[in-house]
Amino acid sequence: MQNGQRGQAPANSRSIIYLNPIKNEMLRGHVYSEYYNRIMPFRNECELLRGMDDLFDSISFPQASFQEREFDIKRGKPKIKKVDYAVEEAMNKIKNETPATFVVNVQYRKNATWQGTITWVEQNQTLHFRSALEMLKLMEQAAVNGAVPVVSWDGKKSESK
């Protein structure tokens, strides 16, 4: 372990996620990287996961245990999304929007997903997550005060879990 404590992620893999109020049932907000001292906006869950995965690849921690698979398609030039450098100005704007704030420590990238801890700052609650999907579900549940809609596959009406 890099910091000498078992199960504790080093600061370079810690990200702070500022989640805007949910509109159109999509997670939107900003990710702040303590390692780079930069902010990346995201418009949906896919952008959040891809951006954080690119961050982990760029700092080589946590190491991915699987290599990504790809369709055999001729690739064009990669599209590079820039992150915000004006951190203080952006942070002040973000904090004025009263987002839900999460501190995410990804400790492992095993079984083609992430494992770690997520802390909901406003409620001072920390939980372990076993996958990126579970992390997203915890964030969604916190952002909508527990009233997460449930899909009813059997045709019966269902409010939420």
N, C-alpha and C. Protein backbone atom coordinates (compact mmCIF):
# COMPACT_ATOMS: atom_id res chain seq x y z
N MET A 1 0.84 -1.19 0.00
CA MET A 1 0.00 0.00 0.00
C MET A 1 0.88 1.25 0.00
N GLN A 2 0.42 2.25 -0.67
CA GLN A 2 1.23 3.46 -0.79
C GLN A 2 1.26 4.29 0.49
N ASN A 3 0.18 4.32 1.23
CA ASN A 3 0.16 5.17 2.41
C ASN A 3 0.28 4.38 3.71
N GLY A 4 0.50 3.08 3.62
CA GLY A 4 0.75 2.29 4.81
C GLY A 4 -0.49 1.81 5.54
N GLN A 5 -1.68 2.22 5.15
CA GLN A 5 -2.90 1.78 5.81
C GLN A 5 -3.66 0.85 4.89
N ARG A 6 -3.97 -0.31 5.40
CA ARG A 6 -4.67 -1.30 4.59
C ARG A 6 -6.10 -0.84 4.30
N GLY A 7 -6.51 -0.94 3.02
CA GLY A 7 -7.88 -0.61 2.65
C GLY A 7 -8.15 0.88 2.52
N GLN A 8 -7.16 1.72 2.71
CA GLN A 8 -7.35 3.16 2.62
C GLN A 8 -6.75 3.65 1.31
N ALA A 9 -7.53 4.31 0.48
CA ALA A 9 -7.04 4.79 -0.82
C ALA A 9 -6.20 6.04 -0.61
N PRO A 10 -5.12 6.17 -1.38
CA PRO A 10 -4.33 7.39 -1.28
C PRO A 10 -5.10 8.58 -1.82
N ALA A 11 -4.66 9.78 -1.46
CA ALA A 11 -5.39 11.00 -1.83
C ALA A 11 -5.48 11.19 -3.34
N ASN A 12 -4.51 10.65 -4.11
CA ASN A 12 -4.57 10.91 -5.55
C ASN A 12 -5.73 10.20 -6.23
N SER A 13 -6.33 9.20 -5.61
CA SER A 13 -7.48 8.54 -6.23
C SER A 13 -8.80 9.08 -5.69
N ARG A 14 -8.73 10.06 -4.80
CA ARG A 14 -9.94 10.64 -4.22
C ARG A 14 -10.50 11.71 -5.16
N SER A 15 -11.78 11.65 -5.39
CA SER A 15 -12.46 12.64 -6.21
C SER A 15 -13.64 13.18 -5.43
N ILE A 16 -13.96 14.44 -5.66
CA ILE A 16 -15.11 15.05 -5.02
C ILE A 16 -16.13 15.31 -6.12
N ILE A 17 -17.33 14.78 -5.93
CA ILE A 17 -18.38 14.93 -6.93
C ILE A 17 -19.44 15.88 -6.41
N TYR A 18 -19.68 16.94 -7.15
CA TYR A 18 -20.74 17.90 -6.84
C TYR A 18 -21.89 17.59 -7.78
N LEU A 19 -22.98 17.12 -7.22
CA LEU A 19 -24.12 16.68 -8.01
C LEU A 19 -25.19 17.76 -8.01
N ASN A 20 -25.54 18.23 -9.19
CA ASN A 20 -26.61 19.22 -9.33
C ASN A 20 -27.95 18.55 -9.02
N PRO A 21 -28.97 19.35 -8.71
CA PRO A 21 -30.30 18.75 -8.54
C PRO A 21 -30.68 17.97 -9.79
N ILE A 22 -31.29 16.82 -9.60
CA ILE A 22 -31.59 15.93 -10.71
C ILE A 22 -32.73 16.49 -11.55
N LYS A 23 -32.48 16.58 -12.86
CA LYS A 23 -33.48 16.98 -13.85
C LYS A 23 -33.48 15.91 -14.92
N ASN A 24 -34.63 15.55 -15.41
CA ASN A 24 -34.74 14.53 -16.46
C ASN A 24 -34.11 13.21 -16.05
N GLU A 25 -34.12 12.92 -14.77
CA GLU A 25 -33.61 11.66 -14.21
C GLU A 25 -32.17 11.36 -14.62
N MET A 26 -31.34 12.39 -14.80
CA MET A 26 -29.93 12.20 -15.14
C MET A 26 -29.07 12.88 -14.09
N LEU A 27 -27.97 12.23 -13.76
CA LEU A 27 -27.02 12.84 -12.84
C LEU A 27 -26.16 13.83 -13.62
N ARG A 28 -26.07 15.06 -13.11
CA ARG A 28 -25.25 16.10 -13.72
C ARG A 28 -24.46 16.79 -12.63
N GLY A 29 -23.31 17.30 -12.99
CA GLY A 29 -22.53 18.02 -12.00
C GLY A 29 -21.08 18.18 -12.42
N HIS A 30 -20.20 18.14 -11.42
CA HIS A 30 -18.78 18.34 -11.63
C HIS A 30 -17.99 17.36 -10.78
N VAL A 31 -16.84 16.95 -11.30
CA VAL A 31 -15.90 16.12 -10.54
C VAL A 31 -14.65 16.95 -10.32
N TYR A 32 -14.23 17.01 -9.07
CA TYR A 32 -12.99 17.72 -8.72
C TYR A 32 -11.93 16.68 -8.40
N SER A 33 -10.78 16.77 -9.05
CA SER A 33 -9.66 15.88 -8.78
C SER A 33 -8.67 16.59 -7.87
N GLU A 34 -8.46 16.02 -6.68
CA GLU A 34 -7.47 16.60 -5.77
C GLU A 34 -6.06 16.48 -6.35
N TYR A 35 -5.80 15.42 -7.09
CA TYR A 35 -4.47 15.18 -7.65
C TYR A 35 -4.10 16.27 -8.65
N TYR A 36 -5.01 16.57 -9.59
CA TYR A 36 -4.74 17.56 -10.62
C TYR A 36 -5.20 18.97 -10.25
N ASN A 37 -6.00 19.09 -9.21
CA ASN A 37 -6.60 20.37 -8.82
C ASN A 37 -7.36 20.99 -9.99
N ARG A 38 -8.20 20.14 -10.62
CA ARG A 38 -8.98 20.57 -11.77
C ARG A 38 -10.40 20.03 -11.64
N ILE A 39 -11.32 20.66 -12.40
CA ILE A 39 -12.73 20.30 -12.36
C ILE A 39 -13.17 19.83 -13.74
N MET A 40 -13.93 18.72 -13.77
CA MET A 40 -14.48 18.20 -15.01
C MET A 40 -16.00 18.21 -14.90
N PRO A 41 -16.69 18.92 -15.78
CA PRO A 41 -18.16 18.86 -15.77
C PRO A 41 -18.63 17.56 -16.42
N PHE A 42 -19.78 17.05 -15.98
CA PHE A 42 -20.38 15.90 -16.64
C PHE A 42 -21.88 16.14 -16.78
N ARG A 43 -22.48 15.60 -17.87
CA ARG A 43 -23.89 15.80 -18.17
C ARG A 43 -24.74 14.56 -17.93
N ASN A 44 -24.07 13.42 -17.72
CA ASN A 44 -24.80 12.18 -17.49
C ASN A 44 -23.88 11.16 -16.82
N GLU A 45 -24.44 10.02 -16.48
CA GLU A 45 -23.69 9.00 -15.76
C GLU A 45 -22.52 8.47 -16.56
N CYS A 46 -22.70 8.32 -17.85
CA CYS A 46 -21.64 7.79 -18.71
C CYS A 46 -20.43 8.73 -18.73
N GLU A 47 -20.67 10.02 -18.86
CA GLU A 47 -19.58 10.99 -18.84
C GLU A 47 -18.86 10.98 -17.50
N LEU A 48 -19.60 10.82 -16.40
CA LEU A 48 -18.99 10.75 -15.07
C LEU A 48 -18.06 9.55 -14.98
N LEU A 49 -18.55 8.37 -15.34
CA LEU A 49 -17.75 7.16 -15.23
C LEU A 49 -16.56 7.17 -16.18
N ARG A 50 -16.78 7.61 -17.42
CA ARG A 50 -15.68 7.66 -18.38
C ARG A 50 -14.61 8.65 -17.92
N GLY A 51 -15.02 9.82 -17.45
CA GLY A 51 -14.06 10.83 -16.99
C GLY A 51 -13.25 10.36 -15.80
N MET A 52 -13.92 9.71 -14.84
CA MET A 52 -13.18 9.21 -13.67
C MET A 52 -12.26 8.06 -14.06
N ASP A 53 -12.70 7.21 -14.97
CA ASP A 53 -11.86 6.11 -15.43
C ASP A 53 -10.61 6.65 -16.14
N ASP A 54 -10.79 7.70 -16.96
CA ASP A 54 -9.65 8.33 -17.62
C ASP A 54 -8.70 8.95 -16.59
N LEU A 55 -9.26 9.53 -15.53
CA LEU A 55 -8.43 10.07 -14.45
C LEU A 55 -7.58 8.96 -13.83
N PHE A 56 -8.20 7.84 -13.49
CA PHE A 56 -7.46 6.73 -12.88
C PHE A 56 -6.39 6.20 -13.82
N ASP A 57 -6.70 6.12 -15.11
CA ASP A 57 -5.70 5.67 -16.09
C ASP A 57 -4.53 6.65 -16.16
N SER A 58 -4.81 7.96 -16.07
CA SER A 58 -3.75 8.95 -16.21
C SER A 58 -2.80 8.96 -15.01
N ILE A 59 -3.29 8.59 -13.83
CA ILE A 59 -2.41 8.55 -12.65
C ILE A 59 -1.97 7.12 -12.31
N SER A 60 -2.46 6.17 -13.09
CA SER A 60 -2.13 4.74 -12.90
C SER A 60 -2.49 4.24 -11.51
N PHE A 61 -3.55 4.75 -10.96
CA PHE A 61 -4.05 4.25 -9.67
C PHE A 61 -5.53 4.53 -9.54
N PRO A 62 -6.31 3.61 -9.08
CA PRO A 62 -5.96 2.21 -8.90
C PRO A 62 -5.80 1.52 -10.25
N GLN A 63 -4.91 0.57 -10.30
CA GLN A 63 -4.65 -0.17 -11.53
C GLN A 63 -5.88 -0.97 -11.93
N ALA A 64 -6.21 -0.95 -13.22
CA ALA A 64 -7.32 -1.75 -13.72
C ALA A 64 -6.87 -3.21 -13.83
N SER A 65 -7.72 -4.12 -13.40
CA SER A 65 -7.37 -5.54 -13.47
C SER A 65 -7.75 -6.15 -14.82
N PHE A 66 -8.55 -5.42 -15.60
CA PHE A 66 -8.96 -5.88 -16.92
C PHE A 66 -8.62 -4.82 -17.94
N GLN A 67 -8.26 -5.25 -19.14
CA GLN A 67 -8.05 -4.31 -20.23
C GLN A 67 -9.39 -4.13 -20.93
N GLU A 68 -9.72 -2.88 -21.28
CA GLU A 68 -11.00 -2.61 -21.94
C GLU A 68 -11.09 -3.34 -23.26
N ARG A 69 -12.27 -3.87 -23.54
CA ARG A 69 -12.53 -4.47 -24.85
C ARG A 69 -13.16 -3.41 -25.73
N GLU A 70 -12.96 -3.57 -27.02
CA GLU A 70 -13.50 -2.61 -27.97
C GLU A 70 -14.05 -3.35 -29.17
N PHE A 71 -15.03 -2.74 -29.82
CA PHE A 71 -15.48 -3.26 -31.10
C PHE A 71 -14.39 -3.00 -32.12
N ASP A 72 -14.31 -3.84 -33.12
CA ASP A 72 -13.29 -3.70 -34.15
C ASP A 72 -13.75 -2.68 -35.18
N ILE A 73 -13.58 -1.41 -34.82
CA ILE A 73 -14.02 -0.31 -35.66
C ILE A 73 -12.81 0.59 -35.92
N LYS A 74 -12.69 1.08 -37.16
CA LYS A 74 -11.60 2.00 -37.45
C LYS A 74 -11.84 3.27 -36.64
N ARG A 75 -10.82 3.68 -35.97
CA ARG A 75 -10.95 4.84 -35.10
C ARG A 75 -10.51 6.11 -35.80
N GLY A 76 -11.25 7.17 -35.53
CA GLY A 76 -10.86 8.49 -36.00
C GLY A 76 -9.99 9.14 -34.93
N LYS A 77 -9.79 10.40 -35.06
CA LYS A 77 -9.01 11.12 -34.05
C LYS A 77 -9.78 11.13 -32.74
N PRO A 78 -9.08 10.91 -31.63
CA PRO A 78 -9.79 10.93 -30.34
C PRO A 78 -10.27 12.34 -30.01
N LYS A 79 -11.44 12.40 -29.37
CA LYS A 79 -11.98 13.67 -28.92
C LYS A 79 -11.52 13.87 -27.49
N ILE A 80 -10.81 14.94 -27.25
CA ILE A 80 -10.28 15.20 -25.92
C ILE A 80 -11.14 16.27 -25.27
N LYS A 81 -11.69 15.93 -24.13
CA LYS A 81 -12.51 16.86 -23.38
C LYS A 81 -11.61 17.60 -22.40
N LYS A 82 -11.66 18.89 -22.42
CA LYS A 82 -10.81 19.69 -21.54
C LYS A 82 -11.48 19.89 -20.19
N VAL A 83 -10.66 19.97 -19.17
CA VAL A 83 -11.16 20.23 -17.83
C VAL A 83 -10.93 21.70 -17.51
N ASP A 84 -11.66 22.20 -16.52
CA ASP A 84 -11.55 23.60 -16.14
C ASP A 84 -10.29 23.83 -15.30
N TYR A 85 -9.53 24.88 -15.68
CA TYR A 85 -8.33 25.24 -14.95
C TYR A 85 -8.61 26.29 -13.88
N ALA A 86 -9.62 27.11 -14.09
CA ALA A 86 -9.96 28.17 -13.15
C ALA A 86 -10.76 27.56 -12.00
N VAL A 87 -10.07 26.86 -11.14
CA VAL A 87 -10.72 26.06 -10.11
C VAL A 87 -11.46 26.91 -9.09
N GLU A 88 -10.84 27.94 -8.56
CA GLU A 88 -11.49 28.74 -7.50
C GLU A 88 -12.78 29.38 -7.99
N GLU A 89 -12.76 29.95 -9.17
CA GLU A 89 -13.94 30.60 -9.73
C GLU A 89 -15.05 29.57 -9.96
N ALA A 90 -14.69 28.44 -10.53
CA ALA A 90 -15.67 27.38 -10.81
C ALA A 90 -16.23 26.82 -9.51
N MET A 91 -15.39 26.63 -8.50
CA MET A 91 -15.84 26.08 -7.22
C MET A 91 -16.84 27.00 -6.54
N ASN A 92 -16.60 28.29 -6.59
CA ASN A 92 -17.55 29.24 -5.99
C ASN A 92 -18.90 29.17 -6.67
N LYS A 93 -18.90 29.05 -7.99
CA LYS A 93 -20.15 28.95 -8.74
C LYS A 93 -20.88 27.65 -8.40
N ILE A 94 -20.15 26.56 -8.33
CA ILE A 94 -20.73 25.26 -8.02
C ILE A 94 -21.36 25.25 -6.63
N LYS A 95 -20.66 25.77 -5.66
CA LYS A 95 -21.15 25.77 -4.27
C LYS A 95 -22.39 26.64 -4.11
N ASN A 96 -22.56 27.67 -4.95
CA ASN A 96 -23.76 28.50 -4.90
C ASN A 96 -24.99 27.77 -5.42
N GLU A 97 -24.79 26.70 -6.21
CA GLU A 97 -25.91 25.93 -6.74
C GLU A 97 -26.43 24.91 -5.73
N THR A 98 -25.89 24.87 -4.54
CA THR A 98 -26.24 23.93 -3.46
C THR A 98 -26.33 22.49 -3.95
N PRO A 99 -25.21 21.96 -4.42
CA PRO A 99 -25.24 20.57 -4.89
C PRO A 99 -25.15 19.58 -3.74
N ALA A 100 -25.48 18.34 -4.03
CA ALA A 100 -25.17 17.25 -3.11
C ALA A 100 -23.69 16.94 -3.36
N THR A 101 -22.93 16.78 -2.30
CA THR A 101 -21.49 16.60 -2.42
C THR A 101 -21.10 15.21 -1.95
N PHE A 102 -20.26 14.53 -2.74
CA PHE A 102 -19.80 13.20 -2.41
C PHE A 102 -18.29 13.13 -2.54
N VAL A 103 -17.64 12.52 -1.57
CA VAL A 103 -16.21 12.24 -1.66
C VAL A 103 -16.10 10.76 -1.99
N VAL A 104 -15.50 10.47 -3.14
CA VAL A 104 -15.39 9.09 -3.62
C VAL A 104 -13.94 8.65 -3.57
N ASN A 105 -13.68 7.55 -2.86
CA ASN A 105 -12.37 6.92 -2.82
C ASN A 105 -12.47 5.59 -3.53
N VAL A 106 -11.93 5.52 -4.72
CA VAL A 106 -11.90 4.25 -5.44
C VAL A 106 -10.62 3.54 -5.03
N GLN A 107 -10.78 2.39 -4.38
CA GLN A 107 -9.63 1.66 -3.87
C GLN A 107 -9.14 0.60 -4.84
N TYR A 108 -10.06 0.01 -5.60
CA TYR A 108 -9.71 -1.05 -6.54
C TYR A 108 -10.52 -0.90 -7.81
N ARG A 109 -9.94 -1.39 -8.90
CA ARG A 109 -10.67 -1.54 -10.15
C ARG A 109 -10.53 -3.01 -10.55
N LYS A 110 -11.33 -3.84 -9.90
CA LYS A 110 -11.30 -5.28 -10.13
C LYS A 110 -12.62 -5.72 -10.75
N ASN A 111 -12.58 -6.86 -11.41
CA ASN A 111 -13.78 -7.43 -12.04
C ASN A 111 -14.46 -6.44 -12.97
N ALA A 112 -13.66 -5.65 -13.65
CA ALA A 112 -14.13 -4.67 -14.63
C ALA A 112 -15.07 -3.62 -14.04
N THR A 113 -14.91 -3.32 -12.76
CA THR A 113 -15.69 -2.25 -12.13
C THR A 113 -14.89 -1.69 -10.96
N TRP A 114 -15.50 -0.84 -10.15
CA TRP A 114 -14.80 -0.16 -9.07
C TRP A 114 -15.30 -0.63 -7.72
N GLN A 115 -14.40 -0.58 -6.74
CA GLN A 115 -14.77 -0.82 -5.35
C GLN A 115 -14.14 0.29 -4.52
N GLY A 116 -14.86 0.74 -3.50
CA GLY A 116 -14.32 1.80 -2.66
C GLY A 116 -15.35 2.31 -1.68
N THR A 117 -15.18 3.57 -1.28
CA THR A 117 -16.11 4.19 -0.34
C THR A 117 -16.64 5.49 -0.94
N ILE A 118 -17.85 5.83 -0.52
CA ILE A 118 -18.46 7.09 -0.92
C ILE A 118 -18.99 7.76 0.35
N THR A 119 -18.67 9.03 0.50
CA THR A 119 -19.14 9.80 1.65
C THR A 119 -20.07 10.89 1.15
N TRP A 120 -21.28 10.90 1.68
CA TRP A 120 -22.23 11.97 1.40
C TRP A 120 -21.94 13.06 2.42
N VAL A 121 -21.33 14.15 1.98
CA VAL A 121 -20.79 15.17 2.86
C VAL A 121 -21.88 15.83 3.71
N GLU A 122 -22.99 16.21 3.09
CA GLU A 122 -24.04 16.93 3.83
C GLU A 122 -24.63 16.10 4.98
N GLN A 123 -24.66 14.79 4.84
CA GLN A 123 -25.22 13.92 5.89
C GLN A 123 -24.14 13.24 6.71
N ASN A 124 -22.88 13.44 6.35
CA ASN A 124 -21.73 12.81 7.03
C ASN A 124 -21.92 11.30 7.12
N GLN A 125 -22.30 10.68 6.01
CA GLN A 125 -22.50 9.23 5.94
C GLN A 125 -21.52 8.63 4.94
N THR A 126 -20.88 7.55 5.34
CA THR A 126 -19.94 6.86 4.46
C THR A 126 -20.39 5.43 4.27
N LEU A 127 -20.41 4.97 3.02
CA LEU A 127 -20.76 3.59 2.70
C LEU A 127 -19.73 3.02 1.74
N HIS A 128 -19.57 1.71 1.78
CA HIS A 128 -18.72 1.01 0.82
C HIS A 128 -19.57 0.67 -0.40
N PHE A 129 -18.96 0.72 -1.58
CA PHE A 129 -19.66 0.26 -2.78
C PHE A 129 -18.81 -0.81 -3.45
N ARG A 130 -19.51 -1.74 -4.11
CA ARG A 130 -18.84 -2.88 -4.74
C ARG A 130 -18.79 -2.77 -6.25
N SER A 131 -19.43 -1.74 -6.80
CA SER A 131 -19.41 -1.54 -8.25
C SER A 131 -19.71 -0.09 -8.56
N ALA A 132 -19.36 0.32 -9.77
CA ALA A 132 -19.66 1.69 -10.19
C ALA A 132 -21.17 1.90 -10.25
N LEU A 133 -21.91 0.87 -10.63
CA LEU A 133 -23.37 0.98 -10.66
C LEU A 133 -23.92 1.21 -9.26
N GLU A 134 -23.41 0.49 -8.28
CA GLU A 134 -23.88 0.68 -6.90
C GLU A 134 -23.55 2.10 -6.42
N MET A 135 -22.37 2.63 -6.80
CA MET A 135 -21.99 3.99 -6.44
C MET A 135 -22.99 4.99 -7.04
N LEU A 136 -23.35 4.80 -8.32
CA LEU A 136 -24.31 5.69 -8.96
C LEU A 136 -25.68 5.61 -8.29
N LYS A 137 -26.11 4.41 -7.92
CA LYS A 137 -27.40 4.26 -7.24
C LYS A 137 -27.41 4.97 -5.90
N LEU A 138 -26.31 4.90 -5.16
CA LEU A 138 -26.23 5.60 -3.87
C LEU A 138 -26.31 7.11 -4.07
N MET A 139 -25.63 7.62 -5.08
CA MET A 139 -25.67 9.06 -5.37
C MET A 139 -27.07 9.49 -5.76
N GLU A 140 -27.72 8.69 -6.62
CA GLU A 140 -29.08 9.02 -7.06
C GLU A 140 -30.04 9.02 -5.88
N GLN A 141 -29.92 8.01 -5.02
CA GLN A 141 -30.81 7.91 -3.86
C GLN A 141 -30.64 9.13 -2.95
N ALA A 142 -29.41 9.56 -2.74
CA ALA A 142 -29.17 10.73 -1.89
C ALA A 142 -29.70 12.00 -2.54
N ALA A 143 -29.54 12.12 -3.85
CA ALA A 143 -29.94 13.34 -4.55
C ALA A 143 -31.45 13.53 -4.61
N VAL A 144 -32.21 12.43 -4.57
CA VAL A 144 -33.67 12.55 -4.65
C VAL A 144 -34.33 12.19 -3.32
N ASN A 145 -33.59 12.29 -2.24
CA ASN A 145 -34.09 12.04 -0.89
C ASN A 145 -34.75 10.67 -0.73
N GLY A 146 -34.16 9.67 -1.35
CA GLY A 146 -34.63 8.30 -1.17
C GLY A 146 -35.80 7.89 -2.04
N ALA A 147 -36.39 8.81 -2.78
CA ALA A 147 -37.58 8.49 -3.60
C ALA A 147 -37.16 8.09 -5.01
N VAL A 148 -36.42 6.99 -5.12
CA VAL A 148 -35.94 6.52 -6.42
C VAL A 148 -37.05 5.77 -7.14
N PRO A 149 -37.38 6.15 -8.37
CA PRO A 149 -38.43 5.44 -9.10
C PRO A 149 -38.01 4.01 -9.43
N VAL A 150 -38.96 3.11 -9.43
CA VAL A 150 -38.71 1.70 -9.71
C VAL A 150 -39.46 1.32 -10.98
N VAL A 151 -38.83 0.58 -11.86
CA VAL A 151 -39.47 0.10 -13.07
C VAL A 151 -40.29 -1.14 -12.73
N SER A 152 -41.55 -1.11 -13.09
CA SER A 152 -42.43 -2.24 -12.81
C SER A 152 -42.52 -3.12 -14.04
N TRP A 153 -41.84 -4.24 -14.02
CA TRP A 153 -41.81 -5.16 -15.15
C TRP A 153 -43.07 -6.02 -15.22
N ASP A 154 -43.74 -6.18 -14.10
CA ASP A 154 -44.91 -7.06 -14.09
C ASP A 154 -46.22 -6.32 -14.29
N GLY A 155 -46.17 -5.01 -14.56
CA GLY A 155 -47.36 -4.24 -14.85
C GLY A 155 -48.04 -3.65 -13.60
N LYS A 156 -47.58 -4.04 -12.42
CA LYS A 156 -48.15 -3.49 -11.19
C LYS A 156 -47.54 -2.13 -10.92
N LYS A 157 -48.36 -1.25 -10.33
CA LYS A 157 -47.85 0.08 -9.99
C LYS A 157 -46.88 -0.04 -8.82
N SER A 158 -45.80 0.75 -8.91
CA SER A 158 -44.78 0.74 -7.87
C SER A 158 -44.25 2.16 -7.72
N GLU A 159 -44.23 2.66 -6.50
CA GLU A 159 -43.77 4.02 -6.24
C GLU A 159 -42.26 4.09 -6.25
N SER A 160 -41.63 3.53 -5.23
CA SER A 160 -40.18 3.53 -5.11
C SER A 160 -39.77 2.49 -4.09
N LYS A 161 -38.49 2.22 -4.08
CA LYS A 161 -37.95 1.25 -3.13
C LYS A 161 -37.65 1.89 -1.81
